[in-house]
Amino acid sequence: MALDVIGAGMGRTGTYSLKLALEHLGFGPCHHMADVHANPEQKALWRAAGQGQLPTW
């Protein structure tokens, strides 16, 4: 899958609004940290990455 746009930002700075806007413009589906909270497998990957155990993306 090729990436067209990366919209990165700190929490509480409009990232979810950006996700919705990008999807509305046709750049979707977009991945957001809200998706991570709903998926235990993704939570584990992000926790491991935070501890320096980088996965093969």
N, C-alpha and C. Protein backbone atom coordinates (compact mmCIF):
# COMPACT_ATOMS: atom_id res chain seq x y z
N MET A 1 0.85 -1.17 0.00
CA MET A 1 0.00 0.00 0.00
C MET A 1 0.90 1.23 0.00
N ALA A 2 0.65 2.13 -0.92
CA ALA A 2 1.40 3.38 -0.98
C ALA A 2 0.74 4.44 -0.10
N LEU A 3 1.56 5.26 0.53
CA LEU A 3 1.04 6.35 1.35
C LEU A 3 0.97 7.61 0.50
N ASP A 4 -0.15 8.31 0.57
CA ASP A 4 -0.32 9.57 -0.14
C ASP A 4 -0.06 10.76 0.78
N VAL A 5 -0.53 10.66 2.02
CA VAL A 5 -0.44 11.77 2.96
C VAL A 5 -0.14 11.21 4.34
N ILE A 6 0.74 11.86 5.07
CA ILE A 6 0.95 11.53 6.48
C ILE A 6 0.61 12.78 7.27
N GLY A 7 -0.39 12.70 8.11
CA GLY A 7 -0.78 13.82 8.96
C GLY A 7 -0.46 13.44 10.40
N ALA A 8 0.68 13.86 10.88
CA ALA A 8 1.11 13.49 12.23
C ALA A 8 0.94 14.69 13.16
N GLY A 9 0.56 14.41 14.38
CA GLY A 9 0.41 15.49 15.35
C GLY A 9 0.28 14.95 16.75
N MET A 10 0.47 15.83 17.70
CA MET A 10 0.31 15.47 19.10
C MET A 10 -1.18 15.36 19.41
N GLY A 11 -1.49 14.55 20.40
CA GLY A 11 -2.88 14.39 20.81
C GLY A 11 -3.51 15.70 21.23
N ARG A 12 -4.81 15.82 21.03
CA ARG A 12 -5.60 16.99 21.39
C ARG A 12 -5.25 18.21 20.55
N THR A 13 -4.75 18.00 19.32
CA THR A 13 -4.41 19.13 18.44
C THR A 13 -5.18 19.07 17.13
N GLY A 14 -6.30 18.34 17.10
CA GLY A 14 -7.12 18.28 15.90
C GLY A 14 -6.81 17.11 14.99
N THR A 15 -6.10 16.10 15.49
CA THR A 15 -5.74 14.97 14.63
C THR A 15 -6.97 14.18 14.18
N TYR A 16 -7.97 14.05 15.04
CA TYR A 16 -9.16 13.30 14.64
C TYR A 16 -9.96 14.07 13.59
N SER A 17 -10.02 15.39 13.75
CA SER A 17 -10.67 16.22 12.73
C SER A 17 -9.94 16.11 11.41
N LEU A 18 -8.61 16.09 11.46
CA LEU A 18 -7.80 15.92 10.25
C LEU A 18 -8.10 14.58 9.61
N LYS A 19 -8.20 13.52 10.41
CA LYS A 19 -8.54 12.19 9.89
C LYS A 19 -9.87 12.23 9.15
N LEU A 20 -10.88 12.84 9.77
CA LEU A 20 -12.21 12.91 9.14
C LEU A 20 -12.17 13.74 7.85
N ALA A 21 -11.43 14.85 7.88
CA ALA A 21 -11.34 15.69 6.69
C ALA A 21 -10.64 14.96 5.55
N LEU A 22 -9.54 14.27 5.84
CA LEU A 22 -8.83 13.53 4.80
C LEU A 22 -9.71 12.43 4.21
N GLU A 23 -10.46 11.75 5.06
CA GLU A 23 -11.37 10.71 4.56
C GLU A 23 -12.47 11.33 3.70
N HIS A 24 -12.95 12.49 4.10
CA HIS A 24 -13.99 13.18 3.32
C HIS A 24 -13.47 13.58 1.95
N LEU A 25 -12.18 13.93 1.88
CA LEU A 25 -11.56 14.33 0.61
C LEU A 25 -11.13 13.14 -0.24
N GLY A 26 -11.30 11.93 0.29
CA GLY A 26 -10.98 10.74 -0.50
C GLY A 26 -9.64 10.11 -0.19
N PHE A 27 -8.96 10.57 0.86
CA PHE A 27 -7.68 9.99 1.26
C PHE A 27 -7.89 8.95 2.35
N GLY A 28 -8.89 8.11 2.21
CA GLY A 28 -9.19 7.19 3.29
C GLY A 28 -9.13 5.76 2.84
N PRO A 29 -9.24 4.83 3.76
CA PRO A 29 -9.40 5.09 5.18
C PRO A 29 -8.09 5.57 5.82
N CYS A 30 -8.21 6.38 6.84
CA CYS A 30 -7.06 6.90 7.56
C CYS A 30 -6.95 6.18 8.90
N HIS A 31 -5.74 5.97 9.34
CA HIS A 31 -5.49 5.31 10.62
C HIS A 31 -5.27 6.38 11.68
N HIS A 32 -5.85 6.17 12.85
CA HIS A 32 -5.76 7.12 13.96
C HIS A 32 -5.51 6.33 15.24
N MET A 33 -4.94 6.97 16.23
CA MET A 33 -4.68 6.27 17.49
C MET A 33 -5.97 5.77 18.13
N ALA A 34 -7.11 6.36 17.81
CA ALA A 34 -8.38 5.83 18.30
C ALA A 34 -8.59 4.40 17.80
N ASP A 35 -8.08 4.11 16.60
CA ASP A 35 -8.15 2.76 16.06
C ASP A 35 -7.28 1.80 16.87
N VAL A 36 -6.15 2.30 17.35
CA VAL A 36 -5.24 1.48 18.14
C VAL A 36 -5.91 1.07 19.45
N HIS A 37 -6.58 2.01 20.11
CA HIS A 37 -7.23 1.71 21.39
C HIS A 37 -8.30 0.64 21.26
N ALA A 38 -8.88 0.52 20.08
CA ALA A 38 -9.93 -0.47 19.85
C ALA A 38 -9.39 -1.84 19.44
N ASN A 39 -8.07 -1.95 19.25
CA ASN A 39 -7.48 -3.18 18.73
C ASN A 39 -6.34 -3.64 19.63
N PRO A 40 -6.54 -4.69 20.45
CA PRO A 40 -5.50 -5.16 21.37
C PRO A 40 -4.18 -5.52 20.67
N GLU A 41 -4.26 -6.07 19.46
CA GLU A 41 -3.03 -6.43 18.74
C GLU A 41 -2.20 -5.19 18.41
N GLN A 42 -2.87 -4.13 17.99
CA GLN A 42 -2.16 -2.89 17.69
C GLN A 42 -1.61 -2.25 18.95
N LYS A 43 -2.35 -2.35 20.06
CA LYS A 43 -1.85 -1.81 21.33
C LYS A 43 -0.52 -2.45 21.69
N ALA A 44 -0.45 -3.77 21.54
CA ALA A 44 0.78 -4.49 21.87
C ALA A 44 1.94 -4.04 20.98
N LEU A 45 1.68 -3.84 19.68
CA LEU A 45 2.73 -3.38 18.77
C LEU A 45 3.25 -2.01 19.17
N TRP A 46 2.36 -1.08 19.51
CA TRP A 46 2.77 0.27 19.88
C TRP A 46 3.49 0.27 21.22
N ARG A 47 3.05 -0.55 22.17
CA ARG A 47 3.76 -0.64 23.46
C ARG A 47 5.18 -1.16 23.25
N ALA A 48 5.32 -2.19 22.44
CA ALA A 48 6.64 -2.75 22.16
C ALA A 48 7.52 -1.71 21.46
N ALA A 49 6.96 -0.97 20.53
CA ALA A 49 7.73 0.07 19.82
C ALA A 49 8.20 1.14 20.80
N GLY A 50 7.35 1.48 21.75
CA GLY A 50 7.71 2.46 22.76
C GLY A 50 8.83 2.00 23.66
N GLN A 51 9.02 0.69 23.74
CA GLN A 51 10.09 0.12 24.55
C GLN A 51 11.31 -0.23 23.70
N GLY A 52 11.31 0.24 22.45
CA GLY A 52 12.47 0.02 21.58
C GLY A 52 12.46 -1.26 20.77
N GLN A 53 11.37 -2.04 20.87
CA GLN A 53 11.25 -3.28 20.09
C GLN A 53 10.47 -2.98 18.82
N LEU A 54 11.17 -2.47 17.83
CA LEU A 54 10.49 -2.02 16.62
C LEU A 54 10.04 -3.20 15.76
N PRO A 55 8.77 -3.20 15.38
CA PRO A 55 8.27 -4.26 14.50
C PRO A 55 8.69 -4.03 13.06
N THR A 56 8.53 -5.03 12.24
CA THR A 56 8.74 -4.88 10.81
C THR A 56 7.45 -4.34 10.22
N TRP A 57 7.42 -3.04 9.96
CA TRP A 57 6.21 -2.42 9.46
C TRP A 57 5.94 -2.91 8.08
